[in-house]
Amino acid sequence: MAKPNEGLWSSSIVPMLAVGAMLLLVVGCARHLPPDVAADLPSAMQIRAGFATADGSGQASDSGGSGAEPTGWATLRGRFIFDGTPPSPAALSITRDNDICAPGGKPVYSQSLVVDPNSKGIKNCVIFLTSSLKPEEPWTHPSMQPGKTDEVLFDQKECVFLSHVLAMQSSQPLRIKNSDSVGHNTNLSAKANPKFDQTIPSGESLIYQPSAEEREPFPVKCAIHPWMEAWMIMRDNSYYCVSQDDGSFVIENLPAGIELEFRVWQEACKFPKTVSIDGAGESGGKGKLTITLQSGADETMNITLPSSVF
C-alpha cells in the first residue's frame, strides 16, 4: 500500500489472484446483475485509490481526453463501513399531524446516519463517477449511457420520504407522490436544475423534470412537516450507487484500462476527509477517489469511515 504524496490520500492495491477464481462479495444496488466474471491471471487488477485534496468545485476529470483507450468493462463493488461505536439514532420531534406522522406514539428517528448493528455497514452513502466520459462505446456501456426516460418514484408515507437518498439520471422524470392522508409541501433545493416547491394534496402526484447534472446531493424538505428530509442527486450517466442496508454497493460495466475518478458522500459528513481503503487509512481530501480497473475484473473495495468524521 503506497503512502500518500503531498496531501493526497492514495493507495495502490495489487491483489494476489489465486490460481482458481476471485473472491466475490455478493452485494447489489437494486439492479439485475450479470453472471460473475473472473479476471484473467495475467491481468491482475490495479487500483490506485486516493482521496485527493479537492477544491470543492466538483469538476469532472477528463478521462475521455487522456489519450488512453478503454480496454473493456469491469465491475466495482464493496461496502461502506463505520469504524467505531455507532451512535444511537436521534428521535425526531413530531409537532404536527401526530395521528398520521407518529401513529400510536411510534417514535420517528433521524436517518442521517444509519449503521447496520451486525456488519457496521453504512446505509445511504453515495458513490458516483465524476470522470467526463464520451457517451458511447467503448467509453460508456449501453446499459449506462445517458438518456434514460423511465419514471422514478419519490413517495412519502407517515410523513417520511420513503427514499431517504435517491440517485437518478438527469433525463429521467421524477414522480413526486403523496401517499399520506394529509397534504405535504415538497421542496427540492436543486442547484443545477430548477427548484421545486409545491404542495401535493393527499393521494396526488406531480412530475418534476430535471435536465442537468448535479455535482453533489441536494436536500429535499417539507415546509409543513419540518422534520422531513431527504437527499437527491442527478447524474448524466448511470455510474452511481446508493449503499444498501448493509452498506454494500456495486457499479457495473465501468470502462476498464483508464483512470476513473469517483466521489463518495454521506449525509452526516458530506465528502469525508478521513477514510480507510481496504484497511489502509489516509487523510486530507474531499471524497475524491481514483481507480483503474482491468478488463473483465469484478473487484471489491471496502471504504471505512472513522467515527471522527461524523
Protein backbone atom coordinates (compact mmCIF):
# COMPACT_ATOMS: atom_id res chain seq x y z
CA MET A 1 0.00 0.00 0.00
CA ALA A 2 1.69 3.20 -1.15
CA LYS A 3 1.79 6.19 1.20
CA PRO A 4 0.19 9.47 0.10
CA ASN A 5 2.22 12.13 -1.71
CA GLU A 6 1.83 15.85 -0.99
CA GLY A 7 -1.60 15.77 0.63
CA LEU A 8 -3.11 13.03 -1.49
CA TRP A 9 -4.79 10.09 0.17
CA SER A 10 -3.62 7.36 -2.14
CA SER A 11 -3.11 3.69 -2.00
CA SER A 12 -2.12 1.08 -4.54
CA ILE A 13 -3.77 -2.26 -4.37
CA VAL A 14 -2.39 -5.10 -6.44
CA PRO A 15 -4.41 -8.08 -5.26
CA MET A 16 -2.81 -11.53 -5.44
CA LEU A 17 -5.09 -13.64 -7.58
CA ALA A 18 -5.28 -17.31 -6.64
CA VAL A 19 -4.92 -19.80 -9.47
CA GLY A 20 -8.60 -20.62 -9.08
CA ALA A 21 -11.07 -17.71 -9.09
CA MET A 22 -11.57 -14.40 -7.33
CA LEU A 23 -13.30 -13.91 -4.01
CA LEU A 24 -16.59 -12.17 -4.71
CA LEU A 25 -18.55 -10.09 -2.25
CA VAL A 26 -22.21 -10.61 -3.07
CA VAL A 27 -23.85 -7.23 -2.95
CA GLY A 28 -26.25 -5.27 -5.11
CA CYS A 29 -27.80 -1.95 -5.89
CA ALA A 30 -31.35 -2.92 -6.81
CA ARG A 31 -30.21 -3.88 -10.30
CA HIS A 32 -30.07 -7.18 -12.16
CA LEU A 33 -26.52 -8.47 -12.00
CA PRO A 34 -24.87 -10.40 -14.85
CA PRO A 35 -23.02 -13.68 -14.20
CA ASP A 36 -19.85 -13.29 -12.18
CA VAL A 37 -16.75 -12.58 -14.29
CA ALA A 38 -13.31 -13.77 -13.19
CA ALA A 39 -10.30 -11.71 -14.20
CA ASP A 40 -7.55 -13.36 -16.24
CA LEU A 41 -4.46 -14.21 -14.20
CA PRO A 42 -2.13 -12.02 -16.30
CA SER A 43 -4.39 -9.01 -15.77
CA ALA A 44 -4.23 -8.67 -12.00
CA MET A 45 -6.34 -5.63 -11.18
CA GLN A 46 -4.53 -2.46 -10.21
CA ILE A 47 -6.31 0.16 -8.17
CA ARG A 48 -4.82 3.47 -7.28
CA ALA A 49 -7.28 4.78 -4.73
CA GLY A 50 -6.73 8.28 -3.46
CA PHE A 51 -8.86 10.72 -1.56
CA ALA A 52 -7.21 13.80 -3.01
CA THR A 53 -7.34 17.35 -1.80
CA ALA A 54 -10.12 18.86 -3.89
CA ASP A 55 -11.15 22.45 -4.43
CA GLY A 56 -14.78 21.53 -3.83
CA SER A 57 -15.82 22.54 -7.32
CA GLY A 58 -16.92 19.05 -8.29
CA GLN A 59 -15.39 19.48 -11.74
CA ALA A 60 -15.11 16.22 -13.62
CA SER A 61 -11.77 14.85 -14.70
CA ASP A 62 -11.43 14.33 -18.43
CA SER A 63 -10.82 10.60 -18.87
CA GLY A 64 -12.06 10.87 -22.44
CA GLY A 65 -9.21 13.17 -23.42
CA SER A 66 -6.29 11.48 -21.67
CA GLY A 67 -5.12 9.54 -24.72
CA ALA A 68 -5.76 6.13 -23.19
CA GLU A 69 -8.49 3.98 -24.68
CA PRO A 70 -10.81 1.69 -22.69
CA THR A 71 -9.96 -2.00 -22.94
CA GLY A 72 -13.30 -3.49 -21.93
CA TRP A 73 -15.67 -3.44 -18.96
CA ALA A 74 -15.30 -4.09 -15.24
CA THR A 75 -17.32 -4.10 -12.03
CA LEU A 76 -16.53 -2.31 -8.76
CA ARG A 77 -18.24 -3.40 -5.58
CA GLY A 78 -17.71 -3.07 -1.85
CA ARG A 79 -19.13 -1.75 1.40
CA PHE A 80 -19.11 1.46 3.40
CA ILE A 81 -18.13 0.53 6.96
CA PHE A 82 -18.38 2.52 10.21
CA ASP A 83 -15.22 2.31 12.33
CA GLY A 84 -16.10 2.71 15.99
CA THR A 85 -19.24 2.51 18.10
CA PRO A 86 -22.19 3.78 16.07
CA PRO A 87 -24.25 6.48 17.81
CA SER A 88 -27.86 5.78 18.65
CA PRO A 89 -30.20 7.42 16.14
CA ALA A 90 -31.78 10.64 17.39
CA ALA A 91 -35.55 10.73 17.89
CA LEU A 92 -37.23 13.43 15.81
CA SER A 93 -39.70 15.89 17.27
CA ILE A 94 -43.11 15.29 15.68
CA THR A 95 -45.06 18.51 16.14
CA ARG A 96 -47.98 18.19 13.76
CA ASP A 97 -50.49 15.62 12.47
CA ASN A 98 -49.29 13.12 15.07
CA ASP A 99 -52.04 10.63 14.28
CA ILE A 100 -50.65 10.36 10.74
CA CYS A 101 -46.97 11.05 11.31
CA ALA A 102 -46.48 9.06 14.53
CA PRO A 103 -49.43 6.65 14.77
CA GLY A 104 -49.84 5.21 18.25
CA GLY A 105 -47.00 7.37 19.52
CA LYS A 106 -44.47 5.47 17.40
CA PRO A 107 -41.05 7.16 17.62
CA VAL A 108 -39.56 8.52 14.41
CA TYR A 109 -35.78 8.53 14.14
CA SER A 110 -33.29 10.53 12.12
CA GLN A 111 -31.84 8.75 9.09
CA SER A 112 -28.80 10.99 8.72
CA LEU A 113 -26.52 8.13 9.84
CA VAL A 114 -27.90 4.58 9.65
CA VAL A 115 -25.45 1.83 10.63
CA ASP A 116 -26.24 -1.89 10.49
CA PRO A 117 -25.56 -3.22 14.02
CA ASN A 118 -24.19 -6.54 12.78
CA SER A 119 -21.98 -5.61 9.84
CA LYS A 120 -21.44 -1.93 10.74
CA GLY A 121 -22.31 -1.17 7.14
CA ILE A 122 -23.45 2.41 6.49
CA LYS A 123 -26.70 2.84 4.60
CA ASN A 124 -27.37 5.65 2.10
CA CYS A 125 -23.79 6.51 1.18
CA VAL A 126 -23.40 7.67 -2.41
CA ILE A 127 -20.55 6.80 -4.76
CA PHE A 128 -20.66 8.37 -8.22
CA LEU A 129 -18.34 8.71 -11.21
CA THR A 130 -17.09 12.23 -11.91
CA SER A 131 -14.85 11.42 -14.88
CA SER A 132 -16.02 13.04 -18.11
CA LEU A 133 -16.66 10.12 -20.47
CA LYS A 134 -17.76 10.08 -24.07
CA PRO A 135 -21.39 8.92 -24.01
CA GLU A 136 -20.90 5.99 -26.38
CA GLU A 137 -18.91 2.76 -26.52
CA PRO A 138 -16.16 1.95 -25.69
CA TRP A 139 -16.29 4.68 -23.04
CA THR A 140 -19.83 4.23 -21.73
CA HIS A 141 -21.57 0.87 -21.72
CA PRO A 142 -25.00 0.84 -23.45
CA SER A 143 -26.70 -0.03 -20.14
CA MET A 144 -25.19 3.06 -18.50
CA GLN A 145 -25.48 5.64 -21.28
CA PRO A 146 -27.32 8.96 -20.79
CA GLY A 147 -30.88 9.45 -21.95
CA LYS A 148 -32.96 7.14 -19.74
CA THR A 149 -36.62 8.17 -19.69
CA ASP A 150 -38.23 5.65 -17.34
CA GLU A 151 -40.06 7.35 -14.48
CA VAL A 152 -38.59 7.43 -10.97
CA LEU A 153 -40.98 7.40 -7.99
CA PHE A 154 -40.41 9.59 -4.93
CA ASP A 155 -43.13 8.87 -2.37
CA GLN A 156 -43.91 9.89 1.21
CA LYS A 157 -45.81 7.95 3.86
CA GLU A 158 -46.39 8.64 7.56
CA CYS A 159 -44.57 11.95 7.00
CA VAL A 160 -41.36 10.24 5.92
CA PHE A 161 -39.76 10.37 2.47
CA LEU A 162 -39.59 6.69 1.54
CA SER A 163 -36.38 7.21 -0.45
CA HIS A 164 -34.09 8.96 2.00
CA VAL A 165 -31.28 9.20 -0.56
CA LEU A 166 -32.22 8.95 -4.24
CA ALA A 167 -29.92 8.87 -7.29
CA MET A 168 -31.20 9.02 -10.86
CA GLN A 169 -30.27 10.14 -14.36
CA SER A 170 -30.79 13.81 -15.18
CA SER A 171 -33.00 12.83 -18.13
CA GLN A 172 -35.49 10.81 -16.09
CA PRO A 173 -38.85 12.24 -14.99
CA LEU A 174 -39.39 12.22 -11.22
CA ARG A 175 -42.92 11.47 -9.99
CA ILE A 176 -43.34 13.09 -6.58
CA LYS A 177 -46.21 11.31 -4.85
CA ASN A 178 -48.07 11.85 -1.58
CA SER A 179 -49.42 8.59 -0.15
CA ASP A 180 -50.44 10.23 3.14
CA SER A 181 -53.93 11.39 4.10
CA VAL A 182 -52.58 14.90 4.75
CA GLY A 183 -51.01 17.37 2.34
CA HIS A 184 -47.24 17.73 2.00
CA ASN A 185 -45.07 20.53 0.70
CA THR A 186 -42.12 19.13 -1.25
CA ASN A 187 -39.16 21.47 -1.63
CA LEU A 188 -36.26 20.40 -3.87
CA SER A 189 -33.25 22.67 -3.34
CA ALA A 190 -31.54 21.73 -6.60
CA LYS A 191 -28.55 23.75 -7.77
CA ALA A 192 -28.12 22.94 -11.47
CA ASN A 193 -31.83 22.24 -12.04
CA PRO A 194 -34.92 24.38 -11.38
CA LYS A 195 -36.03 24.45 -7.78
CA PHE A 196 -39.33 22.77 -6.94
CA ASP A 197 -41.55 23.99 -4.07
CA GLN A 198 -45.15 22.79 -4.28
CA THR A 199 -47.83 21.42 -2.01
CA ILE A 200 -49.08 18.00 -3.06
CA PRO A 201 -52.57 17.08 -1.80
CA SER A 202 -53.30 13.69 -0.28
CA GLY A 203 -53.20 10.86 -2.81
CA GLU A 204 -51.93 13.03 -5.67
CA SER A 205 -48.63 13.36 -7.50
CA LEU A 206 -46.69 15.76 -9.72
CA ILE A 207 -43.91 15.34 -12.27
CA TYR A 208 -40.58 17.12 -11.88
CA GLN A 209 -38.31 17.00 -14.92
CA PRO A 210 -34.62 17.70 -14.32
CA SER A 211 -32.34 18.37 -17.26
CA ALA A 212 -28.86 18.91 -15.84
CA GLU A 213 -26.28 17.00 -13.86
CA GLU A 214 -25.90 17.85 -10.16
CA ARG A 215 -22.38 17.90 -8.72
CA GLU A 216 -23.49 16.74 -5.28
CA PRO A 217 -26.65 15.64 -3.46
CA PHE A 218 -29.09 18.39 -2.50
CA PRO A 219 -31.71 18.40 0.28
CA VAL A 220 -35.44 17.80 -0.07
CA LYS A 221 -37.73 19.07 2.70
CA CYS A 222 -41.36 19.60 3.64
CA ALA A 223 -42.32 23.04 4.96
CA ILE A 224 -45.48 21.64 6.57
CA HIS A 225 -43.64 18.91 8.48
CA PRO A 226 -40.15 20.36 9.10
CA TRP A 227 -38.57 17.14 10.38
CA MET A 228 -39.00 15.53 6.95
CA GLU A 229 -35.78 15.46 4.94
CA ALA A 230 -34.25 13.50 2.06
CA TRP A 231 -31.42 13.94 -0.44
CA MET A 232 -31.24 13.64 -4.23
CA ILE A 233 -28.58 13.63 -6.92
CA MET A 234 -28.98 13.59 -10.71
CA ARG A 235 -26.17 12.37 -12.96
CA ASP A 236 -25.95 12.20 -16.75
CA ASN A 237 -24.97 8.52 -16.91
CA SER A 238 -25.77 5.63 -14.55
CA TYR A 239 -22.36 5.18 -12.95
CA TYR A 240 -23.57 5.75 -9.39
CA CYS A 241 -24.91 3.77 -6.45
CA VAL A 242 -26.58 4.39 -3.08
CA SER A 243 -25.43 1.89 -0.47
CA GLN A 244 -27.93 -0.63 0.85
CA ASP A 245 -28.88 -1.54 4.43
CA ASP A 246 -25.61 -3.43 4.96
CA GLY A 247 -23.51 -0.67 3.37
CA SER A 248 -22.98 -2.59 0.14
CA PHE A 249 -22.68 -1.01 -3.29
CA VAL A 250 -21.98 -2.22 -6.83
CA ILE A 251 -21.34 -0.33 -10.06
CA GLU A 252 -21.24 -2.47 -13.18
CA ASN A 253 -19.95 -2.04 -16.71
CA LEU A 254 -17.29 0.55 -15.91
CA PRO A 255 -14.76 1.26 -18.68
CA ALA A 256 -11.56 -0.66 -17.95
CA GLY A 257 -7.98 0.33 -18.65
CA ILE A 258 -8.41 4.05 -17.99
CA GLU A 259 -8.21 6.10 -14.82
CA LEU A 260 -11.64 6.76 -13.33
CA GLU A 261 -12.47 9.39 -10.76
CA PHE A 262 -15.27 8.93 -8.20
CA ARG A 263 -16.56 10.90 -5.25
CA VAL A 264 -18.14 9.46 -2.14
CA TRP A 265 -20.70 11.26 0.01
CA GLN A 266 -22.61 10.59 3.22
CA GLU A 267 -25.26 12.86 4.70
CA ALA A 268 -23.75 13.34 8.17
CA CYS A 269 -20.21 14.07 6.97
CA LYS A 270 -20.82 15.02 3.31
CA PHE A 271 -17.50 14.44 1.44
CA PRO A 272 -15.36 12.67 4.10
CA LYS A 273 -11.92 13.95 4.98
CA THR A 274 -10.61 10.76 6.55
CA VAL A 275 -11.23 7.23 5.31
CA SER A 276 -9.59 3.83 5.06
CA ILE A 277 -9.46 1.90 1.79
CA ASP A 278 -9.23 -1.84 2.48
CA GLY A 279 -7.57 -1.19 5.84
CA ALA A 280 -5.03 1.47 4.80
CA GLY A 281 -6.18 4.84 6.10
CA GLU A 282 -5.03 8.19 4.85
CA SER A 283 -6.43 11.68 5.23
CA GLY A 284 -6.63 15.06 3.56
CA GLY A 285 -9.25 15.27 0.86
CA LYS A 286 -12.87 15.71 -0.15
CA GLY A 287 -14.05 12.27 -1.09
CA LYS A 288 -12.17 12.02 -4.39
CA LEU A 289 -11.21 8.51 -5.40
CA THR A 290 -9.22 7.49 -8.49
CA ILE A 291 -9.25 3.90 -9.74
CA THR A 292 -8.01 1.93 -12.74
CA LEU A 293 -9.71 -1.43 -13.33
CA GLN A 294 -8.64 -4.29 -15.58
CA SER A 295 -10.91 -5.65 -18.29
CA GLY A 296 -13.19 -8.41 -17.02
CA ALA A 297 -12.41 -7.68 -13.38
CA ASP A 298 -15.03 -7.90 -10.65
CA GLU A 299 -13.27 -6.14 -7.82
CA THR A 300 -14.07 -5.45 -4.19
CA MET A 301 -13.09 -2.26 -2.38
CA ASN A 302 -14.26 -1.57 1.16
CA ILE A 303 -14.41 2.05 2.34
CA THR A 304 -14.22 2.56 6.10
CA LEU A 305 -15.25 5.86 7.68
CA PRO A 306 -13.99 6.56 11.22
CA SER A 307 -16.34 7.96 13.83
CA SER A 308 -14.26 11.16 13.91
CA VAL A 309 -15.61 12.34 10.53
CA PHE A 310 -19.21 12.48 11.75
